Amino acid sequence: MFVTYRPEDGTEQRWTFDPGRVRASQAEAIEKRAGEPWDAWLFAVQAGNMRARRVLLWHLLRLDHPALKFEDTPDFYAGELVVEHSVAELTEIRGRVAKATLPAVQRDQVLAALDTALAEARQREQGTEPEGKARSLSAASATPSP
């Protein structure tokens, strides 16, 4: 998952967030702040829940500022924090939707939307942006190098 924080009055920051590479102690702190289990929190982030996204921003900012208190997490505008899925994540989601028991019309609509998102994600990961979208500046990664 790609997370971009573009504060109106500050410098853009961008992270690659891999939920599988978060230490248990950090995940526990996230659960405590989110008030829900890890998997529910991840779903809430992906679904656009603002509390969940604020907790995500807090976690990412703490990578560089370990003493940052949750209460000191910026009160950002909704559009300043962008969460985008990777090609691998979207491919996995598409596979689940394709196998799901849904009415054909609904499944086709969701698959079409996922195909559009996949095309955009492929362009983003290859370093090109779809027409009309600005390129992001690169910043620290939330996924530690081995």
N, C-alpha and C. Protein backbone atom coordinates (compact mmCIF):
# COMPACT_ATOMS: atom_id res chain seq x y z
N MET A 1 0.87 -1.16 0.00
CA MET A 1 0.00 0.00 0.00
C MET A 1 0.91 1.22 0.00
N PHE A 2 0.52 2.23 -0.77
CA PHE A 2 1.29 3.46 -0.86
C PHE A 2 0.52 4.56 -0.12
N VAL A 3 1.21 5.26 0.74
CA VAL A 3 0.58 6.31 1.54
C VAL A 3 1.32 7.61 1.26
N THR A 4 0.56 8.63 0.90
CA THR A 4 1.12 9.94 0.64
C THR A 4 0.43 10.95 1.53
N TYR A 5 1.24 11.74 2.24
CA TYR A 5 0.73 12.81 3.09
C TYR A 5 1.19 14.12 2.48
N ARG A 6 0.22 14.91 2.01
CA ARG A 6 0.51 16.19 1.37
C ARG A 6 -0.11 17.32 2.19
N PRO A 7 0.55 17.73 3.28
CA PRO A 7 -0.03 18.81 4.09
C PRO A 7 -0.03 20.12 3.31
N GLU A 8 -1.10 20.84 3.47
CA GLU A 8 -1.27 22.13 2.79
C GLU A 8 -0.11 23.08 3.10
N ASP A 9 0.41 23.00 4.31
CA ASP A 9 1.44 23.94 4.75
C ASP A 9 2.77 23.27 5.05
N GLY A 10 3.06 22.16 4.37
CA GLY A 10 4.30 21.45 4.66
C GLY A 10 4.81 20.65 3.48
N THR A 11 5.78 19.81 3.76
CA THR A 11 6.43 19.00 2.75
C THR A 11 5.72 17.67 2.58
N GLU A 12 5.54 17.26 1.33
CA GLU A 12 4.93 15.96 1.03
C GLU A 12 5.83 14.83 1.53
N GLN A 13 5.20 13.81 2.09
CA GLN A 13 5.91 12.60 2.51
C GLN A 13 5.21 11.41 1.89
N ARG A 14 5.99 10.40 1.51
CA ARG A 14 5.43 9.22 0.86
C ARG A 14 6.07 7.99 1.47
N TRP A 15 5.23 6.98 1.74
CA TRP A 15 5.69 5.73 2.30
C TRP A 15 5.12 4.55 1.53
N THR A 16 5.84 3.44 1.56
CA THR A 16 5.32 2.16 1.13
C THR A 16 5.03 1.42 2.41
N PHE A 17 3.76 1.09 2.63
CA PHE A 17 3.35 0.44 3.88
C PHE A 17 3.01 -1.01 3.59
N ASP A 18 3.75 -1.92 4.19
CA ASP A 18 3.51 -3.36 4.08
C ASP A 18 3.06 -3.86 5.44
N PRO A 19 1.76 -4.15 5.61
CA PRO A 19 1.26 -4.57 6.92
C PRO A 19 1.95 -5.83 7.46
N GLY A 20 2.49 -6.63 6.59
CA GLY A 20 3.19 -7.84 7.01
C GLY A 20 4.58 -7.58 7.59
N ARG A 21 5.05 -6.34 7.47
CA ARG A 21 6.38 -5.98 7.97
C ARG A 21 6.31 -5.02 9.15
N VAL A 22 5.23 -5.08 9.91
CA VAL A 22 5.09 -4.26 11.11
C VAL A 22 5.35 -5.15 12.31
N ARG A 23 6.22 -4.72 13.20
CA ARG A 23 6.55 -5.48 14.41
C ARG A 23 5.32 -5.63 15.28
N ALA A 24 5.25 -6.72 16.03
CA ALA A 24 4.10 -6.99 16.90
C ALA A 24 3.88 -5.86 17.89
N SER A 25 4.96 -5.33 18.45
CA SER A 25 4.81 -4.25 19.42
C SER A 25 4.18 -3.02 18.79
N GLN A 26 4.57 -2.73 17.55
CA GLN A 26 3.98 -1.59 16.84
C GLN A 26 2.52 -1.87 16.49
N ALA A 27 2.24 -3.11 16.08
CA ALA A 27 0.86 -3.50 15.75
C ALA A 27 -0.04 -3.39 16.98
N GLU A 28 0.49 -3.77 18.13
CA GLU A 28 -0.28 -3.65 19.37
C GLU A 28 -0.58 -2.19 19.70
N ALA A 29 0.40 -1.31 19.47
CA ALA A 29 0.18 0.12 19.71
C ALA A 29 -0.87 0.66 18.75
N ILE A 30 -0.83 0.19 17.51
CA ILE A 30 -1.83 0.60 16.52
C ILE A 30 -3.21 0.12 16.95
N GLU A 31 -3.32 -1.14 17.38
CA GLU A 31 -4.61 -1.67 17.85
C GLU A 31 -5.15 -0.86 19.02
N LYS A 32 -4.27 -0.49 19.93
CA LYS A 32 -4.69 0.28 21.11
C LYS A 32 -5.25 1.64 20.67
N ARG A 33 -4.55 2.33 19.78
CA ARG A 33 -5.00 3.64 19.32
C ARG A 33 -6.24 3.56 18.44
N ALA A 34 -6.31 2.50 17.65
CA ALA A 34 -7.46 2.34 16.74
C ALA A 34 -8.70 1.84 17.48
N GLY A 35 -8.47 1.11 18.58
CA GLY A 35 -9.59 0.57 19.33
C GLY A 35 -10.23 -0.64 18.66
N GLU A 36 -9.45 -1.33 17.82
CA GLU A 36 -9.96 -2.51 17.15
C GLU A 36 -8.81 -3.44 16.78
N PRO A 37 -9.11 -4.72 16.51
CA PRO A 37 -8.05 -5.67 16.15
C PRO A 37 -7.35 -5.28 14.84
N TRP A 38 -6.16 -5.79 14.67
CA TRP A 38 -5.29 -5.49 13.52
C TRP A 38 -6.02 -5.63 12.19
N ASP A 39 -6.64 -6.79 11.94
CA ASP A 39 -7.31 -7.01 10.65
C ASP A 39 -8.45 -6.03 10.43
N ALA A 40 -9.21 -5.74 11.46
CA ALA A 40 -10.31 -4.78 11.34
C ALA A 40 -9.76 -3.39 11.05
N TRP A 41 -8.64 -3.05 11.68
CA TRP A 41 -8.01 -1.75 11.43
C TRP A 41 -7.54 -1.65 9.98
N LEU A 42 -6.89 -2.71 9.47
CA LEU A 42 -6.42 -2.69 8.08
C LEU A 42 -7.59 -2.50 7.12
N PHE A 43 -8.68 -3.21 7.37
CA PHE A 43 -9.87 -3.07 6.54
C PHE A 43 -10.40 -1.65 6.61
N ALA A 44 -10.43 -1.09 7.82
CA ALA A 44 -10.93 0.28 8.01
C ALA A 44 -10.07 1.29 7.25
N VAL A 45 -8.75 1.09 7.24
CA VAL A 45 -7.85 1.98 6.48
C VAL A 45 -8.23 1.92 5.01
N GLN A 46 -8.37 0.70 4.50
CA GLN A 46 -8.68 0.52 3.08
C GLN A 46 -10.07 1.04 2.73
N ALA A 47 -10.99 0.99 3.69
CA ALA A 47 -12.36 1.46 3.46
C ALA A 47 -12.49 2.96 3.58
N GLY A 48 -11.42 3.65 4.02
CA GLY A 48 -11.44 5.09 4.11
C GLY A 48 -11.81 5.65 5.48
N ASN A 49 -11.85 4.81 6.51
CA ASN A 49 -12.17 5.27 7.86
C ASN A 49 -11.11 6.28 8.30
N MET A 50 -11.55 7.49 8.66
CA MET A 50 -10.60 8.56 8.98
C MET A 50 -9.83 8.30 10.26
N ARG A 51 -10.47 7.74 11.27
CA ARG A 51 -9.73 7.43 12.51
C ARG A 51 -8.62 6.43 12.19
N ALA A 52 -8.95 5.41 11.41
CA ALA A 52 -7.96 4.40 11.03
C ALA A 52 -6.81 5.03 10.24
N ARG A 53 -7.13 5.95 9.36
CA ARG A 53 -6.10 6.60 8.56
C ARG A 53 -5.24 7.54 9.41
N ARG A 54 -5.84 8.15 10.41
CA ARG A 54 -5.06 9.01 11.32
C ARG A 54 -4.08 8.15 12.12
N VAL A 55 -4.53 6.97 12.54
CA VAL A 55 -3.64 6.05 13.25
C VAL A 55 -2.51 5.60 12.32
N LEU A 56 -2.83 5.35 11.07
CA LEU A 56 -1.80 4.97 10.09
C LEU A 56 -0.77 6.10 9.95
N LEU A 57 -1.24 7.33 9.81
CA LEU A 57 -0.31 8.45 9.69
C LEU A 57 0.56 8.56 10.95
N TRP A 58 -0.04 8.41 12.11
CA TRP A 58 0.71 8.43 13.37
C TRP A 58 1.81 7.37 13.35
N HIS A 59 1.46 6.15 12.95
CA HIS A 59 2.44 5.06 12.90
C HIS A 59 3.59 5.43 11.95
N LEU A 60 3.25 5.92 10.77
CA LEU A 60 4.28 6.23 9.78
C LEU A 60 5.18 7.38 10.24
N LEU A 61 4.59 8.39 10.84
CA LEU A 61 5.40 9.51 11.35
C LEU A 61 6.30 9.07 12.49
N ARG A 62 5.83 8.10 13.29
CA ARG A 62 6.65 7.60 14.41
C ARG A 62 7.88 6.84 13.94
N LEU A 63 7.91 6.40 12.70
CA LEU A 63 9.10 5.71 12.19
C LEU A 63 10.30 6.66 12.24
N ASP A 64 10.06 7.95 11.98
CA ASP A 64 11.12 8.94 12.03
C ASP A 64 11.15 9.70 13.36
N HIS A 65 10.02 9.71 14.06
CA HIS A 65 9.89 10.45 15.32
C HIS A 65 9.26 9.54 16.37
N PRO A 66 10.04 8.58 16.93
CA PRO A 66 9.50 7.56 17.83
C PRO A 66 8.75 8.09 19.05
N ALA A 67 9.05 9.29 19.49
CA ALA A 67 8.40 9.84 20.68
C ALA A 67 7.08 10.55 20.37
N LEU A 68 6.68 10.60 19.10
CA LEU A 68 5.46 11.30 18.72
C LEU A 68 4.24 10.68 19.40
N LYS A 69 3.49 11.50 20.11
CA LYS A 69 2.26 11.04 20.76
C LYS A 69 1.13 11.09 19.75
N PHE A 70 0.18 10.18 19.91
CA PHE A 70 -0.96 10.14 19.00
C PHE A 70 -1.67 11.50 18.97
N GLU A 71 -1.79 12.11 20.13
CA GLU A 71 -2.47 13.40 20.23
C GLU A 71 -1.78 14.49 19.42
N ASP A 72 -0.50 14.28 19.11
CA ASP A 72 0.26 15.27 18.35
C ASP A 72 0.26 14.98 16.84
N THR A 73 -0.47 13.96 16.42
CA THR A 73 -0.60 13.66 15.00
C THR A 73 -1.34 14.83 14.34
N PRO A 74 -0.85 15.31 13.21
CA PRO A 74 -1.50 16.46 12.57
C PRO A 74 -2.99 16.22 12.31
N ASP A 75 -3.77 17.26 12.48
CA ASP A 75 -5.20 17.23 12.17
C ASP A 75 -5.33 17.60 10.70
N PHE A 76 -5.12 16.61 9.83
CA PHE A 76 -5.04 16.84 8.40
C PHE A 76 -6.43 16.95 7.75
N TYR A 77 -6.47 17.62 6.61
CA TYR A 77 -7.67 17.63 5.78
C TYR A 77 -7.78 16.26 5.13
N ALA A 78 -8.99 15.80 4.91
CA ALA A 78 -9.21 14.45 4.37
C ALA A 78 -8.42 14.21 3.08
N GLY A 79 -8.33 15.21 2.23
CA GLY A 79 -7.63 15.04 0.96
C GLY A 79 -6.12 15.08 1.05
N GLU A 80 -5.59 15.38 2.22
CA GLU A 80 -4.14 15.46 2.37
C GLU A 80 -3.48 14.11 2.59
N LEU A 81 -4.26 13.10 2.93
CA LEU A 81 -3.71 11.75 3.13
C LEU A 81 -4.32 10.82 2.09
N VAL A 82 -3.47 10.31 1.22
CA VAL A 82 -3.92 9.45 0.13
C VAL A 82 -3.36 8.05 0.34
N VAL A 83 -4.25 7.06 0.30
CA VAL A 83 -3.85 5.66 0.43
C VAL A 83 -4.19 4.97 -0.88
N GLU A 84 -3.16 4.37 -1.50
CA GLU A 84 -3.34 3.68 -2.78
C GLU A 84 -2.84 2.24 -2.66
N HIS A 85 -3.51 1.36 -3.36
CA HIS A 85 -3.12 -0.05 -3.32
C HIS A 85 -2.03 -0.34 -4.35
N SER A 86 -1.22 -1.34 -4.04
CA SER A 86 -0.20 -1.80 -4.98
C SER A 86 -0.86 -2.74 -6.00
N VAL A 87 -0.13 -3.04 -7.06
CA VAL A 87 -0.62 -3.99 -8.07
C VAL A 87 -0.90 -5.34 -7.42
N ALA A 88 -0.01 -5.79 -6.56
CA ALA A 88 -0.19 -7.10 -5.91
C ALA A 88 -1.47 -7.11 -5.06
N GLU A 89 -1.71 -6.04 -4.30
CA GLU A 89 -2.91 -5.98 -3.47
C GLU A 89 -4.17 -5.97 -4.32
N LEU A 90 -4.17 -5.18 -5.39
CA LEU A 90 -5.34 -5.09 -6.25
C LEU A 90 -5.59 -6.41 -6.99
N THR A 91 -4.52 -7.09 -7.38
CA THR A 91 -4.66 -8.38 -8.04
C THR A 91 -5.29 -9.39 -7.10
N GLU A 92 -4.88 -9.37 -5.84
CA GLU A 92 -5.46 -10.27 -4.84
C GLU A 92 -6.94 -9.95 -4.63
N ILE A 93 -7.26 -8.68 -4.51
CA ILE A 93 -8.66 -8.27 -4.32
C ILE A 93 -9.49 -8.68 -5.53
N ARG A 94 -8.95 -8.49 -6.74
CA ARG A 94 -9.67 -8.84 -7.96
C ARG A 94 -9.97 -10.34 -7.99
N GLY A 95 -8.99 -11.14 -7.58
CA GLY A 95 -9.19 -12.59 -7.55
C GLY A 95 -10.31 -12.99 -6.60
N ARG A 96 -10.37 -12.33 -5.45
CA ARG A 96 -11.44 -12.62 -4.48
C ARG A 96 -12.80 -12.23 -5.03
N VAL A 97 -12.85 -11.06 -5.69
CA VAL A 97 -14.12 -10.60 -6.24
C VAL A 97 -14.59 -11.54 -7.36
N ALA A 98 -13.66 -11.97 -8.20
CA ALA A 98 -14.01 -12.86 -9.31
C ALA A 98 -14.61 -14.17 -8.80
N LYS A 99 -14.17 -14.64 -7.64
CA LYS A 99 -14.67 -15.89 -7.06
C LYS A 99 -15.90 -15.70 -6.18
N ALA A 100 -16.20 -14.44 -5.85
CA ALA A 100 -17.30 -14.16 -4.92
C ALA A 100 -18.66 -14.48 -5.53
N THR A 101 -19.58 -14.82 -4.67
CA THR A 101 -20.95 -15.09 -5.10
C THR A 101 -21.69 -13.76 -5.11
N LEU A 102 -21.67 -13.12 -6.27
CA LEU A 102 -22.33 -11.83 -6.45
C LEU A 102 -23.18 -11.90 -7.71
N PRO A 103 -24.20 -11.07 -7.80
CA PRO A 103 -24.93 -10.98 -9.08
C PRO A 103 -23.94 -10.59 -10.18
N ALA A 104 -24.10 -11.16 -11.35
CA ALA A 104 -23.15 -10.95 -12.45
C ALA A 104 -22.95 -9.47 -12.78
N VAL A 105 -24.01 -8.70 -12.78
CA VAL A 105 -23.89 -7.27 -13.10
C VAL A 105 -23.02 -6.57 -12.07
N GLN A 106 -23.26 -6.85 -10.80
CA GLN A 106 -22.48 -6.21 -9.73
C GLN A 106 -21.02 -6.64 -9.81
N ARG A 107 -20.77 -7.94 -10.01
CA ARG A 107 -19.40 -8.44 -10.11
C ARG A 107 -18.68 -7.78 -11.28
N ASP A 108 -19.35 -7.66 -12.42
CA ASP A 108 -18.74 -7.05 -13.59
C ASP A 108 -18.39 -5.58 -13.34
N GLN A 109 -19.24 -4.87 -12.61
CA GLN A 109 -18.96 -3.47 -12.30
C GLN A 109 -17.75 -3.35 -11.38
N VAL A 110 -17.69 -4.19 -10.37
CA VAL A 110 -16.56 -4.15 -9.44
C VAL A 110 -15.27 -4.54 -10.16
N LEU A 111 -15.34 -5.57 -11.00
CA LEU A 111 -14.14 -5.99 -11.73
C LEU A 111 -13.67 -4.90 -12.69
N ALA A 112 -14.59 -4.20 -13.32
CA ALA A 112 -14.21 -3.10 -14.22
C ALA A 112 -13.51 -1.99 -13.44
N ALA A 113 -14.04 -1.66 -12.26
CA ALA A 113 -13.41 -0.63 -11.42
C ALA A 113 -12.02 -1.09 -10.97
N LEU A 114 -11.90 -2.36 -10.61
CA LEU A 114 -10.61 -2.89 -10.20
C LEU A 114 -9.61 -2.90 -11.35
N ASP A 115 -10.09 -3.20 -12.56
CA ASP A 115 -9.21 -3.17 -13.73
C ASP A 115 -8.66 -1.77 -13.98
N THR A 116 -9.49 -0.76 -13.79
CA THR A 116 -9.05 0.64 -13.93
C THR A 116 -8.01 0.96 -12.86
N ALA A 117 -8.30 0.56 -11.62
CA ALA A 117 -7.36 0.80 -10.53
C ALA A 117 -6.05 0.06 -10.76
N LEU A 118 -6.13 -1.15 -11.31
CA LEU A 118 -4.91 -1.92 -11.61
C LEU A 118 -4.06 -1.21 -12.67
N ALA A 119 -4.69 -0.68 -13.70
CA ALA A 119 -3.95 0.03 -14.75
C ALA A 119 -3.24 1.24 -14.16
N GLU A 120 -3.94 1.99 -13.30
CA GLU A 120 -3.33 3.15 -12.65
C GLU A 120 -2.18 2.73 -11.73
N ALA A 121 -2.36 1.63 -11.00
CA ALA A 121 -1.32 1.16 -10.10
C ALA A 121 -0.09 0.70 -10.88
N ARG A 122 -0.30 0.04 -12.01
CA ARG A 122 0.84 -0.40 -12.84
C ARG A 122 1.62 0.82 -13.33
N GLN A 123 0.92 1.85 -13.76
CA GLN A 123 1.59 3.06 -14.22
C GLN A 123 2.36 3.72 -13.07
N ARG A 124 1.73 3.77 -11.91
CA ARG A 124 2.36 4.39 -10.74
C ARG A 124 3.63 3.63 -10.36
N GLU A 125 3.55 2.31 -10.34
CA GLU A 125 4.69 1.50 -9.92
C GLU A 125 5.81 1.49 -10.96
N GLN A 126 5.46 1.79 -12.21
CA GLN A 126 6.49 1.87 -13.25
C GLN A 126 7.08 3.27 -13.34
N GLY A 127 6.58 4.18 -12.49
CA GLY A 127 7.14 5.52 -12.45
C GLY A 127 6.48 6.49 -13.40
N THR A 128 5.37 6.09 -14.01
CA THR A 128 4.63 7.01 -14.87
C THR A 128 3.25 7.19 -14.27
N GLU A 129 2.71 8.36 -14.44
CA GLU A 129 1.38 8.65 -13.90
C GLU A 129 0.39 8.76 -15.05
N PRO A 130 -0.85 8.36 -14.83
CA PRO A 130 -1.86 8.56 -15.86
C PRO A 130 -1.98 10.04 -16.19
N GLU A 131 -2.42 10.33 -17.41
CA GLU A 131 -2.56 11.70 -17.84
C GLU A 131 -3.42 12.50 -16.87
N GLY A 132 -2.94 13.70 -16.52
CA GLY A 132 -3.70 14.55 -15.62
C GLY A 132 -3.36 14.36 -14.15
N LYS A 133 -2.46 13.44 -13.83
CA LYS A 133 -2.07 13.22 -12.44
C LYS A 133 -0.62 13.64 -12.26
N ALA A 134 -0.35 14.33 -11.18
CA ALA A 134 1.01 14.77 -10.89
C ALA A 134 1.81 13.63 -10.29
N ARG A 135 3.10 13.61 -10.57
CA ARG A 135 3.99 12.62 -9.97
C ARG A 135 4.27 13.00 -8.54
N SER A 136 4.43 12.00 -7.70
CA SER A 136 4.72 12.22 -6.29
C SER A 136 6.21 12.25 -6.05
N LEU A 137 6.61 13.04 -5.06
CA LEU A 137 7.99 13.02 -4.62
C LEU A 137 8.19 11.81 -3.74
N SER A 138 9.36 11.22 -3.77
CA SER A 138 9.64 10.06 -2.96
C SER A 138 10.19 10.48 -1.61
N ALA A 139 9.78 9.76 -0.57
CA ALA A 139 10.28 10.05 0.78
C ALA A 139 10.65 8.73 1.43
N ALA A 140 10.68 8.73 2.73
CA ALA A 140 11.06 7.54 3.48
C ALA A 140 10.10 6.39 3.23
N SER A 141 10.62 5.18 3.31
CA SER A 141 9.80 3.99 3.14
C SER A 141 9.41 3.44 4.50
N ALA A 142 8.17 3.00 4.59
CA ALA A 142 7.69 2.41 5.85
C ALA A 142 8.01 0.93 5.93
N THR A 143 8.57 0.39 4.87
CA THR A 143 8.95 -1.01 4.85
C THR A 143 10.46 -1.08 4.99
N PRO A 144 10.95 -1.59 6.13
CA PRO A 144 12.40 -1.63 6.33
C PRO A 144 13.09 -2.57 5.35
N SER A 145 14.29 -2.22 4.98
CA SER A 145 15.08 -3.08 4.11
C SER A 145 15.66 -4.22 4.92
N PRO A 146 15.70 -5.42 4.33
CA PRO A 146 16.24 -6.57 5.07
C PRO A 146 17.72 -6.46 5.30
